[in-house]
Protein backbone atom coordinates (compact mmCIF):
# COMPACT_ATOMS: atom_id res chain seq x y z
CA MET A 1 24.44 115.53 43.24
CA ASN A 2 20.93 116.89 42.79
CA TYR A 3 18.83 117.48 45.89
CA GLU A 4 15.32 118.61 46.76
CA LEU A 5 14.45 120.27 50.05
CA MET A 6 10.79 120.55 51.06
CA ALA A 7 10.16 123.07 53.84
CA VAL A 8 6.89 123.53 55.72
CA ILE A 9 6.96 127.09 57.06
CA ASN A 10 4.86 128.56 59.86
CA PRO A 11 2.38 131.07 58.38
CA LYS A 12 2.63 133.30 61.47
CA ALA A 13 6.32 133.89 60.73
CA ASP A 14 7.40 135.96 57.74
CA THR A 15 7.34 133.18 55.13
CA GLU A 16 9.20 135.02 52.39
CA ALA A 17 12.01 136.04 54.75
CA THR A 18 12.25 132.49 56.10
CA ALA A 19 12.41 131.11 52.55
CA LYS A 20 15.22 133.59 51.77
CA LYS A 21 17.07 132.40 54.91
CA VAL A 22 16.78 128.77 53.84
CA GLU A 23 17.95 129.72 50.35
CA LYS A 24 20.95 131.50 51.90
CA PHE A 25 21.74 128.41 54.00
CA ILE A 26 21.76 126.35 50.80
CA GLU A 27 24.02 128.84 49.01
CA ASP A 28 26.38 128.97 52.03
CA ALA A 29 26.82 125.19 51.64
CA LYS A 30 28.39 125.88 48.21
CA ALA A 31 25.34 124.70 46.28
CA GLN A 32 24.79 125.69 42.67
CA ASN A 33 21.64 126.06 40.56
CA VAL A 34 19.38 126.92 43.50
CA LYS A 35 15.74 127.17 42.41
CA VAL A 36 12.85 127.99 44.73
CA GLU A 37 9.27 126.96 44.08
CA LYS A 38 6.45 128.21 46.30
CA LEU A 39 3.70 125.61 46.50
CA GLY A 40 1.35 127.81 48.52
CA ARG A 41 -0.55 127.60 51.78
CA LYS A 42 -2.11 124.24 52.54
CA GLU A 43 -3.97 122.66 55.41
CA LEU A 44 -1.94 120.23 57.49
CA ALA A 45 -3.12 116.68 58.09
CA TYR A 46 -2.55 117.16 61.81
CA PRO A 47 -1.59 120.18 63.93
CA ILE A 48 2.14 120.89 64.19
CA LYS A 49 3.06 123.29 67.00
CA LYS A 50 -0.60 124.32 67.23
CA GLN A 51 -0.70 125.29 63.52
CA LYS A 52 -3.39 123.85 61.27
CA GLU A 53 -2.04 125.23 57.98
CA ALA A 54 1.37 126.13 56.62
CA ASP A 55 3.23 127.45 53.58
CA TYR A 56 5.10 124.91 51.48
CA PHE A 57 8.36 125.68 49.65
CA LEU A 58 10.39 123.37 47.43
CA PHE A 59 14.09 124.06 46.83
CA TYR A 60 16.07 122.37 44.02
CA PHE A 61 19.88 122.54 44.13
CA ASP A 62 23.15 120.79 43.28
CA ALA A 63 25.58 120.27 46.16
CA GLU A 64 28.15 117.94 47.62
CA GLY A 65 27.05 115.42 50.23
CA GLU A 66 29.02 117.05 53.06
CA GLY A 67 27.12 120.32 52.71
CA ILE A 68 23.73 118.72 53.34
CA ARG A 69 24.43 118.16 57.04
CA GLY A 70 25.32 121.85 57.44
CA ILE A 71 22.07 122.88 55.76
CA ALA A 72 20.06 120.58 58.03
CA ASN A 73 21.81 121.90 61.16
CA LYS A 74 21.08 125.53 60.24
CA ILE A 75 17.44 124.82 59.41
CA ARG A 76 17.06 122.98 62.72
CA LEU A 77 17.99 126.24 64.49
CA GLU A 78 15.00 127.96 62.82
CA GLN A 79 12.50 125.95 64.89
CA GLU A 80 9.99 128.78 65.25
CA ALA A 81 9.65 129.41 61.51
CA VAL A 82 10.29 126.02 59.87
CA LEU A 83 7.80 123.44 61.13
CA ARG A 84 9.16 120.50 59.10
CA TYR A 85 11.74 119.92 56.37
CA LEU A 86 13.05 117.02 54.33
CA VAL A 87 16.09 116.77 52.06
CA ILE A 88 16.16 114.02 49.44
CA LYS A 89 18.52 113.11 46.64
CA ALA A 90 16.79 113.57 43.30
CA LYS A 91 17.52 112.48 39.77
CA ALA A 92 18.24 115.19 37.21
CA LYS A 93 15.58 113.93 34.77
CA GLU A 94 12.86 114.00 37.42
CA ILE A 95 13.75 117.56 38.42
CA ALA A 96 13.62 118.74 34.80
CA GLN A 97 10.20 117.11 34.32
CA LYS A 98 8.81 118.63 37.53
CA GLN A 99 10.04 122.09 36.58
CA LYS A 100 8.46 121.82 33.12
CA LYS A 101 5.13 120.78 34.64
CA ALA A 102 5.32 123.61 37.19
CA GLN A 103 5.91 126.17 34.45
CA GLU A 104 3.08 124.80 32.31
CA GLU A 105 0.52 124.66 35.10
CA GLY A 106 1.48 127.93 36.75
CA ARG A 107 1.70 125.96 40.01
CA SER A 108 -0.93 127.38 42.31
CA ALA A 109 -2.44 125.90 45.42
CA LYS A 110 -5.53 123.92 44.48
CA VAL A 111 -8.21 122.47 46.67
CA THR A 112 -10.39 119.63 45.40
CA VAL A 113 -13.75 118.96 47.00
CA LYS A 114 -15.59 115.77 46.11
CA THR A 115 -19.36 115.62 46.42
CA VAL A 116 -21.40 112.51 45.83
CA THR A 117 -24.55 113.10 43.80
CA SER A 118 -26.98 110.84 42.03
CA SER A 119 -29.44 111.84 39.37
CA LYS A 120 -32.94 110.50 38.82
CA THR A 121 -34.57 111.04 35.46
CA THR A 122 -38.33 110.99 35.02
CA VAL A 123 -39.66 111.25 31.50
CA LYS A 124 -42.94 113.14 31.06
CA ASP A 125 -42.99 113.38 27.28
CA LYS A 126 -40.59 112.35 24.58
CA LYS A 127 -39.44 115.97 24.22
CA THR A 128 -39.04 116.99 27.88
CA SER A 129 -37.33 115.30 30.77
CA THR A 130 -36.74 116.46 34.32
CA LYS A 131 -33.63 115.73 36.31
CA GLU A 132 -33.58 115.73 40.07
CA LYS A 133 -30.34 115.60 41.95
CA GLU A 134 -30.04 114.25 45.44
CA THR A 135 -26.98 114.64 47.57
CA LYS A 136 -26.06 111.63 49.63
CA VAL A 137 -24.22 112.03 52.86
CA VAL A 138 -21.72 109.24 53.28
CA LYS A 139 -21.18 108.28 56.89
CA ALA A 140 -18.44 106.00 58.08
CA LYS A 141 -19.15 103.63 60.92
CA THR A 142 -16.36 103.24 63.40
CA LYS A 143 -15.92 100.25 65.59
CA VAL A 144 -14.18 100.59 68.89
CA LYS A 145 -12.27 97.59 70.05
CA GLY A 146 -12.16 97.04 73.71
CA LYS A 147 -13.48 95.00 76.58
CA LYS A 148 -17.17 94.28 76.81
CA LYS A 149 -18.85 94.89 80.15
């Protein structure tokens, strides 16, 4: 069976050494075709063990179902270094497609920032035009439900 293991590793720990440990755990479970993909350092949606960012690693491997529990138990012992992990059963076609995309893109950590701008055009002559850009700040109103006094 094909499996994927996503590991979120504490950046204060030695991430490369921790990734090697996880890879060794996978190989000790008699897994074949182990491939490691480093997704980079990313900001977490919420703090985990007082960490606001972490390193993400994705492991692809083929193993028997009984070996997965052993991998999970060993990773659970690495509580200081591995913040979160998830093992899922994957289809072979999906893994091949993901690996092709990763090789094509070079797979680096990317951050996308969206800014809202609007442009106003004022025409002075037929030949020249001036563009002014204004940045709008979008504010969200929050309503608090509760008892009225």
